[in-house]
Amino acid sequence: MACHYLVKLHEARGDKIMIFCDHIFALKEYARKLGIPYISGEVGDRERTNIISHFRDGTEINTIVFSRVGDTSIDIPNANVII
C-alpha cells in the first residue's frame, strides 16, 4: 500500500520513478497491480532496451520496477525518485 501511494503521488507530480525489489514474486506483483513494466533477469535485452528508452525519452512510461539487474550499469539521469 505504501508503494502504491508513493507511486501515485509522484506520478501526479510528473516524476520519473524507479522501484527496486529483490524478491521476484513481489516485483511481478507490484508491476501487475500498478500496471507498470518490470525488468528482471528473465526479460530479454531487446525488451529491456525498449522499456528503458521509453522511460528515459518518452512520457508513456514514468515508472519501472527493477530487480537486482537494475543495481548496476543503469544510466537514467532523468529518474528523480527511487523507491
N, C-alpha and C. Protein backbone atom coordinates (compact mmCIF):
# COMPACT_ATOMS: atom_id res chain seq x y z
N MET A 1 0.82 -1.20 0.00
CA MET A 1 0.00 0.00 0.00
C MET A 1 0.86 1.25 0.00
N ALA A 2 1.97 1.21 0.74
CA ALA A 2 2.85 2.37 0.80
C ALA A 2 3.48 2.63 -0.56
N CYS A 3 3.90 1.57 -1.24
CA CYS A 3 4.50 1.71 -2.57
C CYS A 3 3.47 2.30 -3.54
N HIS A 4 2.27 1.80 -3.52
CA HIS A 4 1.20 2.30 -4.39
C HIS A 4 0.96 3.78 -4.13
N TYR A 5 0.88 4.17 -2.88
CA TYR A 5 0.67 5.57 -2.52
C TYR A 5 1.80 6.44 -3.06
N LEU A 6 3.05 6.02 -2.85
CA LEU A 6 4.19 6.81 -3.30
C LEU A 6 4.23 6.94 -4.82
N VAL A 7 3.94 5.85 -5.52
CA VAL A 7 3.94 5.89 -6.98
C VAL A 7 2.88 6.87 -7.47
N LYS A 8 1.67 6.77 -6.97
CA LYS A 8 0.60 7.67 -7.41
C LYS A 8 0.91 9.12 -7.08
N LEU A 9 1.47 9.37 -5.91
CA LEU A 9 1.85 10.73 -5.51
C LEU A 9 2.87 11.31 -6.48
N HIS A 10 3.92 10.55 -6.75
CA HIS A 10 4.99 11.08 -7.60
C HIS A 10 4.61 11.10 -9.08
N GLU A 11 3.80 10.16 -9.53
CA GLU A 11 3.33 10.22 -10.91
C GLU A 11 2.47 11.46 -11.14
N ALA A 12 1.66 11.82 -10.15
CA ALA A 12 0.83 13.02 -10.28
C ALA A 12 1.68 14.28 -10.39
N ARG A 13 2.88 14.24 -9.86
CA ARG A 13 3.82 15.37 -9.94
C ARG A 13 4.63 15.35 -11.23
N GLY A 14 4.50 14.27 -12.00
CA GLY A 14 5.27 14.16 -13.24
C GLY A 14 6.66 13.61 -13.06
N ASP A 15 6.93 12.98 -11.92
CA ASP A 15 8.25 12.42 -11.64
C ASP A 15 8.49 11.14 -12.42
N LYS A 16 9.76 10.80 -12.60
CA LYS A 16 10.19 9.52 -13.17
C LYS A 16 10.64 8.65 -12.00
N ILE A 17 10.02 7.49 -11.84
CA ILE A 17 10.17 6.67 -10.64
C ILE A 17 10.80 5.32 -10.96
N MET A 18 11.80 4.96 -10.18
CA MET A 18 12.40 3.63 -10.26
C MET A 18 12.14 2.92 -8.94
N ILE A 19 11.55 1.74 -9.01
CA ILE A 19 11.29 0.93 -7.83
C ILE A 19 12.23 -0.26 -7.89
N PHE A 20 12.97 -0.50 -6.82
CA PHE A 20 13.87 -1.65 -6.75
C PHE A 20 13.28 -2.68 -5.80
N CYS A 21 13.30 -3.93 -6.23
CA CYS A 21 12.76 -5.01 -5.43
C CYS A 21 13.59 -6.27 -5.68
N ASP A 22 14.14 -6.86 -4.64
CA ASP A 22 14.97 -8.05 -4.78
C ASP A 22 14.16 -9.34 -4.89
N HIS A 23 12.92 -9.32 -4.49
CA HIS A 23 12.10 -10.53 -4.49
C HIS A 23 11.29 -10.56 -5.79
N ILE A 24 11.56 -11.54 -6.65
CA ILE A 24 10.95 -11.60 -7.98
C ILE A 24 9.42 -11.69 -7.93
N PHE A 25 8.88 -12.50 -7.02
CA PHE A 25 7.43 -12.61 -6.92
C PHE A 25 6.82 -11.26 -6.58
N ALA A 26 7.38 -10.57 -5.59
CA ALA A 26 6.87 -9.25 -5.19
C ALA A 26 7.03 -8.25 -6.33
N LEU A 27 8.15 -8.30 -7.04
CA LEU A 27 8.40 -7.41 -8.16
C LEU A 27 7.31 -7.55 -9.22
N LYS A 28 6.99 -8.78 -9.58
CA LYS A 28 5.95 -9.02 -10.58
C LYS A 28 4.57 -8.58 -10.09
N GLU A 29 4.31 -8.78 -8.81
CA GLU A 29 3.02 -8.35 -8.25
C GLU A 29 2.90 -6.84 -8.23
N TYR A 30 3.97 -6.13 -7.83
CA TYR A 30 3.94 -4.67 -7.87
C TYR A 30 3.66 -4.20 -9.29
N ALA A 31 4.39 -4.76 -10.25
CA ALA A 31 4.23 -4.35 -11.64
C ALA A 31 2.80 -4.62 -12.13
N ARG A 32 2.28 -5.79 -11.80
CA ARG A 32 0.93 -6.15 -12.25
C ARG A 32 -0.12 -5.24 -11.61
N LYS A 33 -0.04 -5.08 -10.30
CA LYS A 33 -1.05 -4.28 -9.60
C LYS A 33 -0.98 -2.80 -9.95
N LEU A 34 0.22 -2.30 -10.21
CA LEU A 34 0.38 -0.89 -10.55
C LEU A 34 0.27 -0.64 -12.05
N GLY A 35 0.27 -1.71 -12.84
CA GLY A 35 0.15 -1.56 -14.29
C GLY A 35 1.38 -0.94 -14.92
N ILE A 36 2.57 -1.32 -14.42
CA ILE A 36 3.82 -0.75 -14.92
C ILE A 36 4.76 -1.88 -15.34
N PRO A 37 5.71 -1.58 -16.22
CA PRO A 37 6.65 -2.61 -16.66
C PRO A 37 7.69 -2.93 -15.59
N TYR A 38 8.25 -4.13 -15.71
CA TYR A 38 9.34 -4.52 -14.82
C TYR A 38 10.50 -5.05 -15.63
N ILE A 39 11.68 -4.98 -15.03
CA ILE A 39 12.88 -5.52 -15.64
C ILE A 39 13.54 -6.44 -14.64
N SER A 40 13.69 -7.70 -15.05
CA SER A 40 14.38 -8.69 -14.24
C SER A 40 15.26 -9.51 -15.17
N GLY A 41 15.94 -10.50 -14.64
CA GLY A 41 16.82 -11.33 -15.45
C GLY A 41 16.11 -12.09 -16.54
N GLU A 42 14.83 -12.33 -16.38
CA GLU A 42 14.09 -13.09 -17.40
C GLU A 42 13.59 -12.22 -18.55
N VAL A 43 13.73 -10.92 -18.44
CA VAL A 43 13.32 -10.00 -19.52
C VAL A 43 14.47 -9.91 -20.51
N GLY A 44 14.18 -10.13 -21.78
CA GLY A 44 15.20 -10.11 -22.82
C GLY A 44 15.82 -8.74 -23.03
N ASP A 45 16.99 -8.74 -23.63
CA ASP A 45 17.73 -7.49 -23.86
C ASP A 45 16.95 -6.50 -24.71
N ARG A 46 16.30 -6.97 -25.74
CA ARG A 46 15.55 -6.06 -26.63
C ARG A 46 14.40 -5.39 -25.86
N GLU A 47 13.67 -6.20 -25.07
CA GLU A 47 12.56 -5.63 -24.30
C GLU A 47 13.07 -4.67 -23.23
N ARG A 48 14.17 -5.04 -22.57
CA ARG A 48 14.79 -4.15 -21.58
C ARG A 48 15.13 -2.80 -22.18
N THR A 49 15.82 -2.86 -23.32
CA THR A 49 16.23 -1.63 -24.00
C THR A 49 15.02 -0.80 -24.39
N ASN A 50 13.98 -1.45 -24.86
CA ASN A 50 12.75 -0.76 -25.25
C ASN A 50 12.10 -0.07 -24.05
N ILE A 51 11.98 -0.78 -22.95
CA ILE A 51 11.37 -0.21 -21.74
C ILE A 51 12.17 0.98 -21.24
N ILE A 52 13.48 0.81 -21.14
CA ILE A 52 14.34 1.88 -20.63
C ILE A 52 14.32 3.09 -21.55
N SER A 53 14.35 2.88 -22.86
CA SER A 53 14.33 4.03 -23.77
C SER A 53 13.00 4.78 -23.71
N HIS A 54 11.88 4.06 -23.57
CA HIS A 54 10.59 4.73 -23.42
C HIS A 54 10.50 5.47 -22.08
N PHE A 55 11.10 4.92 -21.06
CA PHE A 55 11.14 5.58 -19.76
C PHE A 55 11.99 6.85 -19.84
N ARG A 56 13.16 6.72 -20.43
CA ARG A 56 14.12 7.82 -20.47
C ARG A 56 13.66 8.94 -21.41
N ASP A 57 13.15 8.57 -22.58
CA ASP A 57 12.92 9.57 -23.63
C ASP A 57 11.46 9.93 -23.86
N GLY A 58 10.54 9.16 -23.31
CA GLY A 58 9.13 9.40 -23.60
C GLY A 58 8.33 9.75 -22.36
N THR A 59 7.03 9.79 -22.56
CA THR A 59 6.13 10.11 -21.46
C THR A 59 5.17 8.97 -21.16
N GLU A 60 5.19 7.91 -21.98
CA GLU A 60 4.24 6.81 -21.76
C GLU A 60 4.65 5.88 -20.62
N ILE A 61 5.92 5.83 -20.28
CA ILE A 61 6.38 5.03 -19.14
C ILE A 61 7.08 5.97 -18.17
N ASN A 62 6.50 6.14 -16.99
CA ASN A 62 7.09 7.02 -15.97
C ASN A 62 7.56 6.26 -14.75
N THR A 63 7.26 4.97 -14.68
CA THR A 63 7.65 4.16 -13.53
C THR A 63 8.08 2.79 -14.02
N ILE A 64 9.19 2.29 -13.48
CA ILE A 64 9.69 0.95 -13.79
C ILE A 64 10.05 0.26 -12.48
N VAL A 65 9.77 -1.04 -12.42
CA VAL A 65 10.20 -1.86 -11.29
C VAL A 65 11.42 -2.66 -11.75
N PHE A 66 12.50 -2.62 -10.97
CA PHE A 66 13.74 -3.32 -11.28
C PHE A 66 14.04 -4.39 -10.24
N SER A 67 14.58 -5.50 -10.71
CA SER A 67 15.16 -6.48 -9.80
C SER A 67 16.63 -6.10 -9.61
N ARG A 68 17.43 -7.02 -9.16
CA ARG A 68 18.86 -6.73 -8.95
C ARG A 68 19.59 -6.37 -10.23
N VAL A 69 19.05 -6.73 -11.40
CA VAL A 69 19.71 -6.37 -12.65
C VAL A 69 19.80 -4.86 -12.82
N GLY A 70 18.96 -4.12 -12.13
CA GLY A 70 19.00 -2.66 -12.21
C GLY A 70 19.96 -2.02 -11.23
N ASP A 71 20.61 -2.83 -10.40
CA ASP A 71 21.53 -2.28 -9.40
C ASP A 71 22.81 -1.73 -10.00
N THR A 72 23.19 -2.21 -11.17
CA THR A 72 24.44 -1.76 -11.79
C THR A 72 24.22 -1.42 -13.25
N SER A 73 25.02 -0.53 -13.72
CA SER A 73 25.10 -0.17 -15.14
C SER A 73 23.81 0.39 -15.73
N ILE A 74 22.99 1.01 -14.94
CA ILE A 74 21.80 1.66 -15.46
C ILE A 74 22.04 3.17 -15.40
N ASP A 75 21.97 3.82 -16.54
CA ASP A 75 22.19 5.26 -16.60
C ASP A 75 20.90 5.94 -17.05
N ILE A 76 20.13 6.38 -16.08
CA ILE A 76 18.87 7.07 -16.37
C ILE A 76 18.86 8.38 -15.57
N PRO A 77 19.50 9.39 -16.14
CA PRO A 77 19.64 10.65 -15.38
C PRO A 77 18.34 11.38 -15.10
N ASN A 78 17.28 11.13 -15.87
CA ASN A 78 16.03 11.85 -15.61
C ASN A 78 15.16 11.20 -14.55
N ALA A 79 15.56 10.02 -14.04
CA ALA A 79 14.84 9.41 -12.92
C ALA A 79 15.13 10.24 -11.67
N ASN A 80 14.07 10.69 -11.01
CA ASN A 80 14.30 11.56 -9.85
C ASN A 80 13.69 11.01 -8.56
N VAL A 81 13.06 9.82 -8.62
CA VAL A 81 12.53 9.18 -7.42
C VAL A 81 12.93 7.72 -7.43
N ILE A 82 13.46 7.24 -6.32
CA ILE A 82 13.82 5.83 -6.19
C ILE A 82 13.11 5.28 -4.94
N ILE A 83 12.40 4.17 -5.14
CA ILE A 83 11.70 3.51 -4.05
C ILE A 83 12.31 2.13 -3.89
